[in-house]
């Protein structure tokens, strides 16, 4: 009996220590935005560009645990994030975001290639009716989560992935391990660009074809998927 009691004490102590070390996404994100704001405001030796600011936040958030939440899909299925047993790729998007729309071919390609290893979830601030207008551009098996109302604040994109009104710019992809910790974060996407359409004649401004944009997006996301699967 004494040995059993000692074992229980050790287990409880271990679990308590683990709980103390485990920081959840919302708290970590709040700290990370505060850190980036402080650097930007006070550390004049570091002139943070928009990209540097985002990198500071993303690198800071890694390792935090995403909170569980239940969401309703476009097929009216209600799913709990923690009920998913595979690693999860969550991509945040909206119809008014042109890089988000440009990322669709890459998401479809990577889903076809890796859906047996990870779950793909797309979360948007568009409501169900708006999402229906372009739902068929995504693979029909990809889980898409619309906003539950007409405003951005009614979406899981806002409620989970922002804090005090601050969030990373969309599109953003979160790579989440089986135990629901954030392995990597990727902000932004490449999109088709034709300088001549905007009257730009500077030869330094390069044209980006749709094929080139699709390839670039795949090449950026795929190594992080492989890293997530391999847990490296």
C-alpha atoms as a PDB file:
ATOM      1  CA  UNK A   1       0.000   0.000   0.000  1.00  0.00           C
ATOM      2  CA  UNK A   2       2.825   2.386   0.901  1.00  0.00           C
ATOM      3  CA  UNK A   3       4.477   1.796  -2.500  1.00  0.00           C
ATOM      4  CA  UNK A   4       1.176   2.498  -4.259  1.00  0.00           C
ATOM      5  CA  UNK A   5       0.732   5.770  -2.353  1.00  0.00           C
ATOM      6  CA  UNK A   6       4.267   6.852  -3.234  1.00  0.00           C
ATOM      7  CA  UNK A   7       3.634   6.013  -6.891  1.00  0.00           C
ATOM      8  CA  UNK A   8       0.413   8.054  -6.897  1.00  0.00           C
ATOM      9  CA  UNK A   9       2.212  11.018  -5.363  1.00  0.00           C
ATOM     10  CA  UNK A  10       4.908  10.831  -8.049  1.00  0.00           C
ATOM     11  CA  UNK A  11       2.306  10.601 -10.844  1.00  0.00           C
ATOM     12  CA  UNK A  12       0.317  13.543  -9.461  1.00  0.00           C
ATOM     13  CA  UNK A  13       3.471  15.612  -9.124  1.00  0.00           C
ATOM     14  CA  UNK A  14       4.474  14.804 -12.712  1.00  0.00           C
ATOM     15  CA  UNK A  15       1.042  15.683 -14.078  1.00  0.00           C
ATOM     16  CA  UNK A  16       0.985  18.927 -12.100  1.00  0.00           C
ATOM     17  CA  UNK A  17       4.418  19.923 -13.396  1.00  0.00           C
ATOM     18  CA  UNK A  18       3.318  19.091 -16.960  1.00  0.00           C
ATOM     19  CA  UNK A  19       0.171  21.200 -16.581  1.00  0.00           C
ATOM     20  CA  UNK A  20       2.251  24.092 -15.276  1.00  0.00           C
ATOM     21  CA  UNK A  21       4.591  23.927 -18.295  1.00  0.00           C
ATOM     22  CA  UNK A  22       1.800  23.520 -20.842  1.00  0.00           C
ATOM     23  CA  UNK A  23       0.850  26.920 -22.244  1.00  0.00           C
ATOM     24  CA  UNK A  24      -2.215  27.303 -24.403  1.00  0.00           C
ATOM     25  CA  UNK A  25      -2.418  29.179 -27.657  1.00  0.00           C
ATOM     26  CA  UNK A  26      -4.537  32.165 -26.590  1.00  0.00           C
ATOM     27  CA  UNK A  27      -2.289  33.032 -23.636  1.00  0.00           C
ATOM     28  CA  UNK A  28       0.888  32.496 -25.646  1.00  0.00           C
ATOM     29  CA  UNK A  29      -0.400  34.573 -28.568  1.00  0.00           C
ATOM     30  CA  UNK A  30      -1.197  37.465 -26.242  1.00  0.00           C
ATOM     31  CA  UNK A  31       2.352  37.335 -24.863  1.00  0.00           C
ATOM     32  CA  UNK A  32       3.840  37.039 -28.360  1.00  0.00           C
ATOM     33  CA  UNK A  33       2.052  40.088 -29.766  1.00  0.00           C
ATOM     34  CA  UNK A  34       3.109  42.032 -26.657  1.00  0.00           C
ATOM     35  CA  UNK A  35       6.714  40.929 -27.214  1.00  0.00           C
ATOM     36  CA  UNK A  36       6.674  41.999 -30.876  1.00  0.00           C
ATOM     37  CA  UNK A  37       5.022  45.328 -29.971  1.00  0.00           C
ATOM     38  CA  UNK A  38       7.685  45.998 -27.348  1.00  0.00           C
ATOM     39  CA  UNK A  39      10.528  45.264 -29.780  1.00  0.00           C
ATOM     40  CA  UNK A  40       8.944  47.460 -32.428  1.00  0.00           C
ATOM     41  CA  UNK A  41       8.374  50.344 -30.026  1.00  0.00           C
ATOM     42  CA  UNK A  42      11.477  50.338 -27.858  1.00  0.00           C
ATOM     43  CA  UNK A  43      14.274  48.398 -29.496  1.00  0.00           C
ATOM     44  CA  UNK A  44      15.421  50.835 -32.159  1.00  0.00           C
ATOM     45  CA  UNK A  45      18.295  48.538 -33.106  1.00  0.00           C
ATOM     46  CA  UNK A  46      15.661  46.205 -34.564  1.00  0.00           C
ATOM     47  CA  UNK A  47      13.516  47.920 -37.161  1.00  0.00           C
ATOM     48  CA  UNK A  48      10.734  45.405 -37.517  1.00  0.00           C
ATOM     49  CA  UNK A  49       9.140  45.271 -40.939  1.00  0.00           C
ATOM     50  CA  UNK A  50       5.711  43.695 -41.325  1.00  0.00           C
ATOM     51  CA  UNK A  51       7.423  40.410 -42.193  1.00  0.00           C
ATOM     52  CA  UNK A  52       9.835  40.620 -39.239  1.00  0.00           C
ATOM     53  CA  UNK A  53       6.946  41.412 -36.911  1.00  0.00           C
ATOM     54  CA  UNK A  54       5.000  38.379 -38.115  1.00  0.00           C
ATOM     55  CA  UNK A  55       8.070  36.142 -37.875  1.00  0.00           C
ATOM     56  CA  UNK A  56       8.616  37.272 -34.292  1.00  0.00           C
ATOM     57  CA  UNK A  57       5.019  36.388 -33.392  1.00  0.00           C
ATOM     58  CA  UNK A  58       5.042  33.058 -35.273  1.00  0.00           C
ATOM     59  CA  UNK A  59       8.323  31.872 -33.757  1.00  0.00           C
ATOM     60  CA  UNK A  60       7.101  32.838 -30.310  1.00  0.00           C
ATOM     61  CA  UNK A  61       3.791  30.961 -30.667  1.00  0.00           C
ATOM     62  CA  UNK A  62       5.362  27.648 -31.718  1.00  0.00           C
ATOM     63  CA  UNK A  63       5.071  24.980 -29.064  1.00  0.00           C
ATOM     64  CA  UNK A  64       1.836  26.318 -27.571  1.00  0.00           C
ATOM     65  CA  UNK A  65      -1.169  24.010 -27.357  1.00  0.00           C
ATOM     66  CA  UNK A  66      -4.276  24.865 -29.337  1.00  0.00           C
ATOM     67  CA  UNK A  67      -7.453  24.934 -27.265  1.00  0.00           C
ATOM     68  CA  UNK A  68     -10.192  22.427 -27.999  1.00  0.00           C
ATOM     69  CA  UNK A  69     -13.240  23.800 -29.806  1.00  0.00           C
ATOM     70  CA  UNK A  70     -16.292  22.353 -31.518  1.00  0.00           C
ATOM     71  CA  UNK A  71     -17.046  23.586 -34.989  1.00  0.00           C
ATOM     72  CA  UNK A  72     -19.810  23.001 -37.522  1.00  0.00           C
ATOM     73  CA  UNK A  73     -18.727  22.182 -41.064  1.00  0.00           C
ATOM     74  CA  UNK A  74     -20.342  23.075 -44.361  1.00  0.00           C
ATOM     75  CA  UNK A  75     -21.958  19.617 -44.240  1.00  0.00           C
ATOM     76  CA  UNK A  76     -23.562  20.504 -40.862  1.00  0.00           C
ATOM     77  CA  UNK A  77     -21.348  18.028 -38.985  1.00  0.00           C
ATOM     78  CA  UNK A  78     -20.223  19.128 -35.525  1.00  0.00           C
ATOM     79  CA  UNK A  79     -16.651  18.090 -34.754  1.00  0.00           C
ATOM     80  CA  UNK A  80     -14.399  18.606 -31.755  1.00  0.00           C
ATOM     81  CA  UNK A  81     -10.795  19.431 -32.610  1.00  0.00           C
ATOM     82  CA  UNK A  82      -9.571  17.072 -29.900  1.00  0.00           C
ATOM     83  CA  UNK A  83     -11.575  14.201 -31.372  1.00  0.00           C
ATOM     84  CA  UNK A  84      -9.207  14.195 -34.369  1.00  0.00           C
ATOM     85  CA  UNK A  85      -6.453  11.657 -33.805  1.00  0.00           C
ATOM     86  CA  UNK A  86      -4.135  12.594 -36.672  1.00  0.00           C
ATOM     87  CA  UNK A  87      -1.967  15.721 -36.966  1.00  0.00           C
ATOM     88  CA  UNK A  88      -3.992  18.656 -38.257  1.00  0.00           C
ATOM     89  CA  UNK A  89      -3.333  21.331 -40.859  1.00  0.00           C
ATOM     90  CA  UNK A  90      -5.596  24.327 -40.211  1.00  0.00           C
ATOM     91  CA  UNK A  91      -5.666  26.990 -42.895  1.00  0.00           C
ATOM     92  CA  UNK A  92      -7.366  30.344 -42.338  1.00  0.00           C
ATOM     93  CA  UNK A  93      -8.865  32.114 -45.331  1.00  0.00           C
ATOM     94  CA  UNK A  94     -11.571  34.431 -46.655  1.00  0.00           C
ATOM     95  CA  UNK A  95     -13.100  35.109 -50.063  1.00  0.00           C
ATOM     96  CA  UNK A  96     -11.996  38.764 -50.032  1.00  0.00           C
ATOM     97  CA  UNK A  97      -8.351  37.688 -49.599  1.00  0.00           C
ATOM     98  CA  UNK A  98      -6.797  37.145 -53.039  1.00  0.00           C
ATOM     99  CA  UNK A  99      -3.721  35.231 -51.748  1.00  0.00           C
ATOM    100  CA  UNK A 100      -6.145  32.915 -49.897  1.00  0.00           C
ATOM    101  CA  UNK A 101      -7.937  32.125 -53.121  1.00  0.00           C
ATOM    102  CA  UNK A 102      -4.615  31.695 -54.917  1.00  0.00           C
ATOM    103  CA  UNK A 103      -3.621  29.091 -52.332  1.00  0.00           C
ATOM    104  CA  UNK A 104      -6.556  26.768 -53.165  1.00  0.00           C
ATOM    105  CA  UNK A 105      -4.782  24.679 -55.859  1.00  0.00           C
ATOM    106  CA  UNK A 106      -1.887  24.005 -53.476  1.00  0.00           C
ATOM    107  CA  UNK A 107      -4.264  23.019 -50.659  1.00  0.00           C
ATOM    108  CA  UNK A 108      -6.120  20.630 -52.993  1.00  0.00           C
ATOM    109  CA  UNK A 109      -2.897  19.089 -54.299  1.00  0.00           C
ATOM    110  CA  UNK A 110      -1.483  18.579 -50.802  1.00  0.00           C
ATOM    111  CA  UNK A 111      -4.791  17.179 -49.521  1.00  0.00           C
ATOM    112  CA  UNK A 112      -4.796  14.574 -52.282  1.00  0.00           C
ATOM    113  CA  UNK A 113      -1.242  13.619 -51.369  1.00  0.00           C
ATOM    114  CA  UNK A 114      -1.334  13.701 -47.548  1.00  0.00           C
ATOM    115  CA  UNK A 115      -4.948  13.332 -46.358  1.00  0.00           C
ATOM    116  CA  UNK A 116      -4.277   9.780 -45.154  1.00  0.00           C
ATOM    117  CA  UNK A 117      -1.646  11.150 -42.763  1.00  0.00           C
ATOM    118  CA  UNK A 118      -3.151  14.437 -41.565  1.00  0.00           C
ATOM    119  CA  UNK A 119      -6.529  16.141 -41.343  1.00  0.00           C
ATOM    120  CA  UNK A 120      -7.109  19.329 -43.336  1.00  0.00           C
ATOM    121  CA  UNK A 121      -9.425  21.984 -41.856  1.00  0.00           C
ATOM    122  CA  UNK A 122     -10.177  25.321 -43.501  1.00  0.00           C
ATOM    123  CA  UNK A 123     -11.652  28.039 -41.288  1.00  0.00           C
ATOM    124  CA  UNK A 124     -13.121  31.182 -42.816  1.00  0.00           C
ATOM    125  CA  UNK A 125     -14.875  34.343 -41.669  1.00  0.00           C
ATOM    126  CA  UNK A 126     -17.335  33.928 -44.561  1.00  0.00           C
ATOM    127  CA  UNK A 127     -20.798  32.707 -43.602  1.00  0.00           C
ATOM    128  CA  UNK A 128     -22.361  29.555 -45.023  1.00  0.00           C
ATOM    129  CA  UNK A 129     -24.090  31.299 -47.944  1.00  0.00           C
ATOM    130  CA  UNK A 130     -20.933  33.115 -49.011  1.00  0.00           C
ATOM    131  CA  UNK A 131     -18.834  29.980 -48.691  1.00  0.00           C
ATOM    132  CA  UNK A 132     -21.267  28.074 -50.928  1.00  0.00           C
ATOM    133  CA  UNK A 133     -20.349  30.441 -53.781  1.00  0.00           C
ATOM    134  CA  UNK A 134     -16.847  28.975 -54.018  1.00  0.00           C
ATOM    135  CA  UNK A 135     -17.002  25.728 -52.005  1.00  0.00           C
ATOM    136  CA  UNK A 136     -16.624  23.660 -55.179  1.00  0.00           C
ATOM    137  CA  UNK A 137     -13.146  25.100 -55.764  1.00  0.00           C
ATOM    138  CA  UNK A 138     -11.908  23.030 -52.818  1.00  0.00           C
ATOM    139  CA  UNK A 139     -11.802  19.244 -52.740  1.00  0.00           C
ATOM    140  CA  UNK A 140     -15.224  18.182 -51.442  1.00  0.00           C
ATOM    141  CA  UNK A 141     -13.610  16.046 -48.712  1.00  0.00           C
ATOM    142  CA  UNK A 142     -11.711  18.934 -47.124  1.00  0.00           C
ATOM    143  CA  UNK A 143     -13.371  20.059 -43.896  1.00  0.00           C
ATOM    144  CA  UNK A 144     -14.429  23.710 -44.255  1.00  0.00           C
ATOM    145  CA  UNK A 145     -15.795  25.723 -41.349  1.00  0.00           C
ATOM    146  CA  UNK A 146     -17.913  28.817 -42.084  1.00  0.00           C
ATOM    147  CA  UNK A 147     -18.693  31.651 -39.710  1.00  0.00           C
ATOM    148  CA  UNK A 148     -21.811  31.064 -37.616  1.00  0.00           C
ATOM    149  CA  UNK A 149     -23.044  34.575 -38.391  1.00  0.00           C
ATOM    150  CA  UNK A 150     -22.605  37.494 -40.759  1.00  0.00           C
ATOM    151  CA  UNK A 151     -19.710  39.143 -38.941  1.00  0.00           C
ATOM    152  CA  UNK A 152     -16.070  38.187 -38.609  1.00  0.00           C
ATOM    153  CA  UNK A 153     -16.493  38.053 -34.824  1.00  0.00           C
ATOM    154  CA  UNK A 154     -18.920  35.141 -35.247  1.00  0.00           C
ATOM    155  CA  UNK A 155     -16.212  32.978 -36.800  1.00  0.00           C
ATOM    156  CA  UNK A 156     -13.782  30.562 -35.195  1.00  0.00           C
ATOM    157  CA  UNK A 157     -11.115  32.364 -37.197  1.00  0.00           C
ATOM    158  CA  UNK A 158     -11.685  35.373 -34.927  1.00  0.00           C
ATOM    159  CA  UNK A 159     -12.619  33.620 -31.681  1.00  0.00           C
ATOM    160  CA  UNK A 160      -9.700  31.181 -31.603  1.00  0.00           C
ATOM    161  CA  UNK A 161      -7.008  32.736 -33.779  1.00  0.00           C
ATOM    162  CA  UNK A 162      -7.076  36.342 -32.584  1.00  0.00           C
ATOM    163  CA  UNK A 163      -6.506  37.998 -29.228  1.00  0.00           C
ATOM    164  CA  UNK A 164      -7.532  41.522 -28.275  1.00  0.00           C
ATOM    165  CA  UNK A 165      -8.417  42.117 -31.924  1.00  0.00           C
ATOM    166  CA  UNK A 166      -4.939  41.110 -33.153  1.00  0.00           C
ATOM    167  CA  UNK A 167      -4.216  38.192 -35.448  1.00  0.00           C
ATOM    168  CA  UNK A 168      -1.752  37.103 -38.082  1.00  0.00           C
ATOM    169  CA  UNK A 169      -2.694  38.126 -41.606  1.00  0.00           C
ATOM    170  CA  UNK A 170      -4.561  35.600 -43.728  1.00  0.00           C
ATOM    171  CA  UNK A 171      -3.860  33.238 -45.314  1.00  0.00           C
ATOM    172  CA  UNK A 172      -2.185  31.555 -42.353  1.00  0.00           C
ATOM    173  CA  UNK A 173      -1.543  27.831 -41.994  1.00  0.00           C
ATOM    174  CA  UNK A 174      -1.130  26.177 -38.580  1.00  0.00           C
ATOM    175  CA  UNK A 175       0.590  22.782 -38.422  1.00  0.00           C
ATOM    176  CA  UNK A 176      -0.671  20.995 -35.303  1.00  0.00           C
ATOM    177  CA  UNK A 177       0.677  17.751 -33.873  1.00  0.00           C
ATOM    178  CA  UNK A 178      -1.412  14.816 -32.649  1.00  0.00           C
ATOM    179  CA  UNK A 179      -1.152  16.097 -29.089  1.00  0.00           C
ATOM    180  CA  UNK A 180      -2.426  19.486 -30.357  1.00  0.00           C
ATOM    181  CA  UNK A 181       0.751  21.535 -29.998  1.00  0.00           C
ATOM    182  CA  UNK A 182       1.669  23.995 -32.747  1.00  0.00           C
ATOM    183  CA  UNK A 183       4.648  22.716 -34.704  1.00  0.00           C
ATOM    184  CA  UNK A 184       4.882  25.423 -37.364  1.00  0.00           C
ATOM    185  CA  UNK A 185       3.025  28.480 -38.641  1.00  0.00           C
ATOM    186  CA  UNK A 186       3.088  29.821 -42.183  1.00  0.00           C
ATOM    187  CA  UNK A 187       1.709  33.236 -43.043  1.00  0.00           C
ATOM    188  CA  UNK A 188       0.994  34.468 -46.577  1.00  0.00           C
ATOM    189  CA  UNK A 189       0.881  32.879 -50.031  1.00  0.00           C
ATOM    190  CA  UNK A 190       2.146  33.523 -53.530  1.00  0.00           C
ATOM    191  CA  UNK A 191      -0.329  34.662 -56.175  1.00  0.00           C
ATOM    192  CA  UNK A 192      -0.409  35.268 -59.894  1.00  0.00           C
ATOM    193  CA  UNK A 193       0.885  38.705 -60.855  1.00  0.00           C
ATOM    194  CA  UNK A 194       1.189  40.413 -64.233  1.00  0.00           C
ATOM    195  CA  UNK A 195       2.994  43.790 -63.942  1.00  0.00           C
ATOM    196  CA  UNK A 196       1.732  45.039 -67.297  1.00  0.00           C
ATOM    197  CA  UNK A 197      -1.847  44.940 -66.021  1.00  0.00           C
ATOM    198  CA  UNK A 198      -0.882  47.671 -63.565  1.00  0.00           C
ATOM    199  CA  UNK A 199       1.216  49.664 -66.016  1.00  0.00           C
ATOM    200  CA  UNK A 200       4.463  48.553 -64.375  1.00  0.00           C
ATOM    201  CA  UNK A 201       7.352  48.515 -66.815  1.00  0.00           C
ATOM    202  CA  UNK A 202      10.248  48.137 -64.371  1.00  0.00           C
ATOM    203  CA  UNK A 203      12.131  44.967 -65.471  1.00  0.00           C
ATOM    204  CA  UNK A 204      13.007  44.258 -61.835  1.00  0.00           C
ATOM    205  CA  UNK A 205       9.339  43.584 -61.134  1.00  0.00           C
ATOM    206  CA  UNK A 206       8.884  40.005 -62.256  1.00  0.00           C
ATOM    207  CA  UNK A 207       5.783  38.398 -63.687  1.00  0.00           C
ATOM    208  CA  UNK A 208       4.388  35.461 -61.723  1.00  0.00           C
ATOM    209  CA  UNK A 209       2.285  33.006 -63.676  1.00  0.00           C
ATOM    210  CA  UNK A 210      -0.465  30.968 -62.058  1.00  0.00           C
ATOM    211  CA  UNK A 211       1.591  27.806 -62.496  1.00  0.00           C
ATOM    212  CA  UNK A 212       4.578  29.438 -60.829  1.00  0.00           C
ATOM    213  CA  UNK A 213       2.442  30.663 -57.934  1.00  0.00           C
ATOM    214  CA  UNK A 214       0.904  27.203 -57.443  1.00  0.00           C
ATOM    215  CA  UNK A 215       4.348  25.574 -57.469  1.00  0.00           C
ATOM    216  CA  UNK A 216       5.711  28.120 -54.998  1.00  0.00           C
ATOM    217  CA  UNK A 217       2.829  27.565 -52.572  1.00  0.00           C
ATOM    218  CA  UNK A 218       3.228  23.787 -52.733  1.00  0.00           C
ATOM    219  CA  UNK A 219       6.989  24.075 -52.259  1.00  0.00           C
ATOM    220  CA  UNK A 220       6.493  26.266 -49.179  1.00  0.00           C
ATOM    221  CA  UNK A 221       3.802  24.199 -47.443  1.00  0.00           C
ATOM    222  CA  UNK A 222       4.872  20.644 -48.292  1.00  0.00           C
ATOM    223  CA  UNK A 223       8.133  20.503 -46.266  1.00  0.00           C
ATOM    224  CA  UNK A 224       6.230  21.662 -43.169  1.00  0.00           C
ATOM    225  CA  UNK A 225       3.637  18.924 -43.727  1.00  0.00           C
ATOM    226  CA  UNK A 226       6.413  16.350 -43.975  1.00  0.00           C
ATOM    227  CA  UNK A 227       8.014  17.754 -40.836  1.00  0.00           C
ATOM    228  CA  UNK A 228       4.662  17.490 -39.058  1.00  0.00           C
ATOM    229  CA  UNK A 229       4.165  13.886 -40.142  1.00  0.00           C
ATOM    230  CA  UNK A 230       7.693  12.934 -39.179  1.00  0.00           C
ATOM    231  CA  UNK A 231       7.477  15.043 -35.994  1.00  0.00           C
ATOM    232  CA  UNK A 232      10.896  16.490 -36.650  1.00  0.00           C
END
